[in-house]
Amino acid sequence: MARLRVRDVCPDSRVLRADGQRLRAAIEDAWRAEEPVELDFDGELIASISFLDEGVAVLFVDHDAESIRTRLRIVGLTEPDRPMLNGLVAKRRAQRTAA
């Protein structure tokens, strides 16, 4: 299993969409190598809708939820960030279903 620390992938900023794109690219690179990914937020409060949407939730547009569940394990996400990410994922899953 590949382990990605969010802080290592995006050391300078974890706020902008561009930061989230960098994170998503790292996840997808690991997947191309057929590696499941443990994504570690290290308990750091993110509180950025843009970053969480672009970095994680957008994956649910291009990949079905079951494959993400088997290939992505999220650890160290703070309690304030969890409901924010869950809401974004729900919106992105609905977007995939509507397409």
N, C-alpha and C. Protein backbone atom coordinates (compact mmCIF):
# COMPACT_ATOMS: atom_id res chain seq x y z
N MET A 1 0.85 -1.18 0.00
CA MET A 1 0.00 0.00 0.00
C MET A 1 0.90 1.24 0.00
N ALA A 2 0.61 2.15 -0.89
CA ALA A 2 1.33 3.42 -0.92
C ALA A 2 0.77 4.34 0.16
N ARG A 3 1.65 5.02 0.86
CA ARG A 3 1.20 5.95 1.90
C ARG A 3 1.54 7.36 1.44
N LEU A 4 0.53 8.19 1.32
CA LEU A 4 0.72 9.59 0.96
C LEU A 4 0.35 10.46 2.14
N ARG A 5 1.31 11.22 2.61
CA ARG A 5 1.03 12.22 3.64
C ARG A 5 0.67 13.51 2.92
N VAL A 6 -0.49 14.04 3.21
CA VAL A 6 -0.96 15.26 2.55
C VAL A 6 0.07 16.37 2.69
N ARG A 7 0.66 16.48 3.85
CA ARG A 7 1.66 17.52 4.12
C ARG A 7 2.89 17.37 3.21
N ASP A 8 3.24 16.14 2.86
CA ASP A 8 4.39 15.91 1.99
C ASP A 8 4.06 16.22 0.52
N VAL A 9 2.87 15.87 0.11
CA VAL A 9 2.46 16.10 -1.27
C VAL A 9 2.24 17.59 -1.53
N CYS A 10 1.68 18.27 -0.56
CA CYS A 10 1.39 19.70 -0.67
C CYS A 10 2.02 20.43 0.52
N PRO A 11 3.35 20.59 0.51
CA PRO A 11 4.03 21.11 1.70
C PRO A 11 3.77 22.59 1.98
N ASP A 12 3.55 23.38 0.94
CA ASP A 12 3.44 24.82 1.13
C ASP A 12 2.02 25.31 1.39
N SER A 13 1.04 24.61 0.82
CA SER A 13 -0.33 25.08 0.93
C SER A 13 -1.28 23.91 0.75
N ARG A 14 -2.34 23.90 1.56
CA ARG A 14 -3.40 22.91 1.45
C ARG A 14 -4.74 23.62 1.49
N VAL A 15 -4.84 24.63 0.59
CA VAL A 15 -6.02 25.49 0.59
C VAL A 15 -6.64 25.59 -0.80
N LEU A 16 -5.83 25.78 -1.81
CA LEU A 16 -6.31 26.10 -3.16
C LEU A 16 -6.69 24.87 -3.97
N ARG A 17 -7.49 25.08 -5.01
CA ARG A 17 -7.81 24.00 -5.94
C ARG A 17 -6.56 23.42 -6.57
N ALA A 18 -5.61 24.27 -6.89
CA ALA A 18 -4.35 23.80 -7.48
C ALA A 18 -3.63 22.84 -6.52
N ASP A 19 -3.70 23.11 -5.24
CA ASP A 19 -3.12 22.21 -4.24
C ASP A 19 -3.85 20.87 -4.28
N GLY A 20 -5.15 20.92 -4.35
CA GLY A 20 -5.95 19.70 -4.43
C GLY A 20 -5.67 18.91 -5.69
N GLN A 21 -5.44 19.60 -6.80
CA GLN A 21 -5.10 18.91 -8.05
C GLN A 21 -3.78 18.15 -7.90
N ARG A 22 -2.83 18.75 -7.20
CA ARG A 22 -1.55 18.09 -6.95
C ARG A 22 -1.77 16.81 -6.12
N LEU A 23 -2.62 16.90 -5.11
CA LEU A 23 -2.91 15.74 -4.28
C LEU A 23 -3.60 14.65 -5.10
N ARG A 24 -4.61 15.02 -5.88
CA ARG A 24 -5.33 14.02 -6.69
C ARG A 24 -4.40 13.36 -7.68
N ALA A 25 -3.50 14.12 -8.29
CA ALA A 25 -2.54 13.55 -9.23
C ALA A 25 -1.65 12.52 -8.54
N ALA A 26 -1.24 12.79 -7.32
CA ALA A 26 -0.41 11.84 -6.57
C ALA A 26 -1.18 10.56 -6.28
N ILE A 27 -2.44 10.69 -5.92
CA ILE A 27 -3.29 9.52 -5.67
C ILE A 27 -3.41 8.70 -6.95
N GLU A 28 -3.73 9.36 -8.04
CA GLU A 28 -3.94 8.65 -9.31
C GLU A 28 -2.64 8.04 -9.83
N ASP A 29 -1.50 8.68 -9.57
CA ASP A 29 -0.21 8.08 -9.95
C ASP A 29 0.00 6.76 -9.22
N ALA A 30 -0.30 6.74 -7.94
CA ALA A 30 -0.18 5.49 -7.17
C ALA A 30 -1.14 4.44 -7.71
N TRP A 31 -2.33 4.84 -8.08
CA TRP A 31 -3.29 3.89 -8.63
C TRP A 31 -2.82 3.33 -9.96
N ARG A 32 -2.15 4.15 -10.79
CA ARG A 32 -1.64 3.64 -12.06
C ARG A 32 -0.61 2.53 -11.83
N ALA A 33 0.08 2.62 -10.72
CA ALA A 33 1.02 1.57 -10.34
C ALA A 33 0.28 0.41 -9.64
N GLU A 34 -1.04 0.49 -9.67
CA GLU A 34 -1.92 -0.53 -9.08
C GLU A 34 -1.72 -0.68 -7.59
N GLU A 35 -1.43 0.42 -6.94
CA GLU A 35 -1.25 0.45 -5.49
C GLU A 35 -2.48 1.03 -4.82
N PRO A 36 -3.01 0.38 -3.79
CA PRO A 36 -3.98 1.08 -2.95
C PRO A 36 -3.25 2.21 -2.23
N VAL A 37 -3.98 3.20 -1.81
CA VAL A 37 -3.38 4.39 -1.20
C VAL A 37 -3.95 4.62 0.19
N GLU A 38 -3.06 4.85 1.14
CA GLU A 38 -3.45 5.36 2.44
C GLU A 38 -3.13 6.85 2.41
N LEU A 39 -4.16 7.66 2.49
CA LEU A 39 -4.02 9.11 2.46
C LEU A 39 -4.08 9.62 3.88
N ASP A 40 -2.97 10.17 4.36
CA ASP A 40 -2.85 10.55 5.77
C ASP A 40 -2.86 12.07 5.91
N PHE A 41 -3.89 12.56 6.59
CA PHE A 41 -4.01 13.99 6.86
C PHE A 41 -3.29 14.40 8.14
N ASP A 42 -2.76 13.44 8.87
CA ASP A 42 -1.99 13.70 10.10
C ASP A 42 -2.73 14.55 11.13
N GLY A 43 -4.05 14.49 11.14
CA GLY A 43 -4.82 15.25 12.12
C GLY A 43 -4.79 16.75 11.91
N GLU A 44 -4.32 17.19 10.75
CA GLU A 44 -4.25 18.62 10.45
C GLU A 44 -5.61 19.12 9.95
N LEU A 45 -6.09 20.18 10.53
CA LEU A 45 -7.34 20.79 10.08
C LEU A 45 -7.11 21.42 8.71
N ILE A 46 -7.89 21.03 7.74
CA ILE A 46 -7.77 21.57 6.39
C ILE A 46 -8.74 22.73 6.22
N ALA A 47 -10.03 22.48 6.47
CA ALA A 47 -11.08 23.51 6.42
C ALA A 47 -11.11 24.27 5.10
N SER A 48 -10.75 23.60 4.01
CA SER A 48 -10.81 24.23 2.69
C SER A 48 -11.66 23.36 1.77
N ILE A 49 -12.83 23.86 1.44
CA ILE A 49 -13.72 23.14 0.53
C ILE A 49 -13.02 22.92 -0.80
N SER A 50 -12.35 23.93 -1.30
CA SER A 50 -11.68 23.83 -2.61
C SER A 50 -10.66 22.69 -2.62
N PHE A 51 -9.82 22.64 -1.60
CA PHE A 51 -8.78 21.62 -1.53
C PHE A 51 -9.37 20.22 -1.41
N LEU A 52 -10.31 20.03 -0.50
CA LEU A 52 -10.90 18.71 -0.29
C LEU A 52 -11.70 18.25 -1.51
N ASP A 53 -12.39 19.17 -2.14
CA ASP A 53 -13.16 18.83 -3.33
C ASP A 53 -12.22 18.38 -4.45
N GLU A 54 -11.26 19.21 -4.77
CA GLU A 54 -10.37 18.92 -5.89
C GLU A 54 -9.45 17.74 -5.60
N GLY A 55 -9.00 17.62 -4.36
CA GLY A 55 -8.05 16.57 -4.02
C GLY A 55 -8.65 15.20 -3.86
N VAL A 56 -9.87 15.12 -3.32
CA VAL A 56 -10.46 13.82 -3.02
C VAL A 56 -11.82 13.64 -3.68
N ALA A 57 -12.74 14.57 -3.50
CA ALA A 57 -14.12 14.37 -3.96
C ALA A 57 -14.21 14.21 -5.47
N VAL A 58 -13.39 14.92 -6.24
CA VAL A 58 -13.44 14.81 -7.70
C VAL A 58 -13.12 13.38 -8.17
N LEU A 59 -12.41 12.62 -7.36
CA LEU A 59 -12.15 11.22 -7.71
C LEU A 59 -13.46 10.47 -7.96
N PHE A 60 -14.53 10.87 -7.27
CA PHE A 60 -15.81 10.18 -7.37
C PHE A 60 -16.55 10.50 -8.68
N VAL A 61 -16.04 11.44 -9.46
CA VAL A 61 -16.59 11.70 -10.79
C VAL A 61 -16.02 10.70 -11.78
N ASP A 62 -14.72 10.43 -11.67
CA ASP A 62 -14.04 9.57 -12.62
C ASP A 62 -13.99 8.10 -12.23
N HIS A 63 -14.24 7.81 -10.97
CA HIS A 63 -14.14 6.43 -10.48
C HIS A 63 -15.39 6.08 -9.68
N ASP A 64 -15.83 4.83 -9.78
CA ASP A 64 -17.01 4.44 -9.01
C ASP A 64 -16.66 4.31 -7.53
N ALA A 65 -17.65 4.50 -6.70
CA ALA A 65 -17.45 4.53 -5.26
C ALA A 65 -16.84 3.23 -4.73
N GLU A 66 -17.24 2.10 -5.27
CA GLU A 66 -16.71 0.82 -4.77
C GLU A 66 -15.21 0.70 -5.04
N SER A 67 -14.77 1.10 -6.22
CA SER A 67 -13.32 1.00 -6.49
C SER A 67 -12.54 1.96 -5.60
N ILE A 68 -13.11 3.12 -5.31
CA ILE A 68 -12.44 4.06 -4.42
C ILE A 68 -12.37 3.47 -3.02
N ARG A 69 -13.45 2.87 -2.55
CA ARG A 69 -13.45 2.25 -1.22
C ARG A 69 -12.37 1.19 -1.08
N THR A 70 -12.12 0.44 -2.14
CA THR A 70 -11.12 -0.63 -2.06
C THR A 70 -9.70 -0.11 -2.30
N ARG A 71 -9.57 1.07 -2.90
CA ARG A 71 -8.24 1.56 -3.26
C ARG A 71 -7.77 2.77 -2.46
N LEU A 72 -8.65 3.39 -1.68
CA LEU A 72 -8.28 4.60 -0.95
C LEU A 72 -8.71 4.48 0.51
N ARG A 73 -7.75 4.64 1.38
CA ARG A 73 -8.02 4.64 2.82
C ARG A 73 -7.59 6.00 3.35
N ILE A 74 -8.52 6.72 3.96
CA ILE A 74 -8.23 8.05 4.48
C ILE A 74 -8.06 7.94 5.99
N VAL A 75 -6.93 8.43 6.48
CA VAL A 75 -6.65 8.42 7.91
C VAL A 75 -6.27 9.82 8.36
N GLY A 76 -6.45 10.08 9.63
CA GLY A 76 -6.02 11.35 10.21
C GLY A 76 -6.83 12.56 9.79
N LEU A 77 -8.02 12.35 9.24
CA LEU A 77 -8.90 13.46 8.86
C LEU A 77 -9.58 13.98 10.12
N THR A 78 -9.57 15.27 10.34
CA THR A 78 -10.17 15.83 11.55
C THR A 78 -11.69 15.76 11.51
N GLU A 79 -12.30 15.78 12.68
CA GLU A 79 -13.76 15.74 12.77
C GLU A 79 -14.43 16.93 12.06
N PRO A 80 -13.90 18.13 12.13
CA PRO A 80 -14.55 19.21 11.36
C PRO A 80 -14.46 19.00 9.84
N ASP A 81 -13.39 18.37 9.38
CA ASP A 81 -13.22 18.16 7.93
C ASP A 81 -14.05 17.00 7.40
N ARG A 82 -14.30 15.99 8.25
CA ARG A 82 -15.01 14.79 7.77
C ARG A 82 -16.39 15.09 7.19
N PRO A 83 -17.27 15.83 7.88
CA PRO A 83 -18.58 16.09 7.28
C PRO A 83 -18.48 16.96 6.02
N MET A 84 -17.49 17.84 6.00
CA MET A 84 -17.30 18.66 4.80
C MET A 84 -16.95 17.77 3.61
N LEU A 85 -16.00 16.85 3.81
CA LEU A 85 -15.61 15.95 2.73
C LEU A 85 -16.77 15.03 2.34
N ASN A 86 -17.51 14.52 3.32
CA ASN A 86 -18.64 13.64 3.02
C ASN A 86 -19.68 14.35 2.16
N GLY A 87 -19.96 15.62 2.45
CA GLY A 87 -20.91 16.39 1.64
C GLY A 87 -20.41 16.59 0.22
N LEU A 88 -19.12 16.88 0.08
CA LEU A 88 -18.54 17.06 -1.25
C LEU A 88 -18.57 15.76 -2.05
N VAL A 89 -18.27 14.65 -1.39
CA VAL A 89 -18.31 13.36 -2.07
C VAL A 89 -19.72 13.05 -2.54
N ALA A 90 -20.71 13.32 -1.71
CA ALA A 90 -22.11 13.06 -2.10
C ALA A 90 -22.47 13.87 -3.35
N LYS A 91 -22.05 15.11 -3.41
CA LYS A 91 -22.33 15.95 -4.59
C LYS A 91 -21.62 15.40 -5.82
N ARG A 92 -20.38 14.99 -5.67
CA ARG A 92 -19.63 14.45 -6.82
C ARG A 92 -20.18 13.10 -7.27
N ARG A 93 -20.63 12.27 -6.34
CA ARG A 93 -21.25 11.00 -6.73
C ARG A 93 -22.53 11.25 -7.50
N ALA A 94 -23.31 12.23 -7.07
CA ALA A 94 -24.55 12.58 -7.79
C ALA A 94 -24.21 13.09 -9.19
N GLN A 95 -23.15 13.83 -9.29
CA GLN A 95 -22.70 14.33 -10.60
C GLN A 95 -22.34 13.16 -11.53
N ARG A 96 -21.67 12.16 -11.00
CA ARG A 96 -21.30 10.98 -11.80
C ARG A 96 -22.56 10.24 -12.25
N THR A 97 -23.52 10.10 -11.34
CA THR A 97 -24.77 9.38 -11.65
C THR A 97 -25.56 10.11 -12.73
N ALA A 98 -25.55 11.44 -12.69
CA ALA A 98 -26.32 12.22 -13.66
C ALA A 98 -25.70 12.21 -15.04
N ALA A 99 -24.42 11.90 -15.13
CA ALA A 99 -23.71 11.96 -16.43
C ALA A 99 -24.03 10.80 -17.32
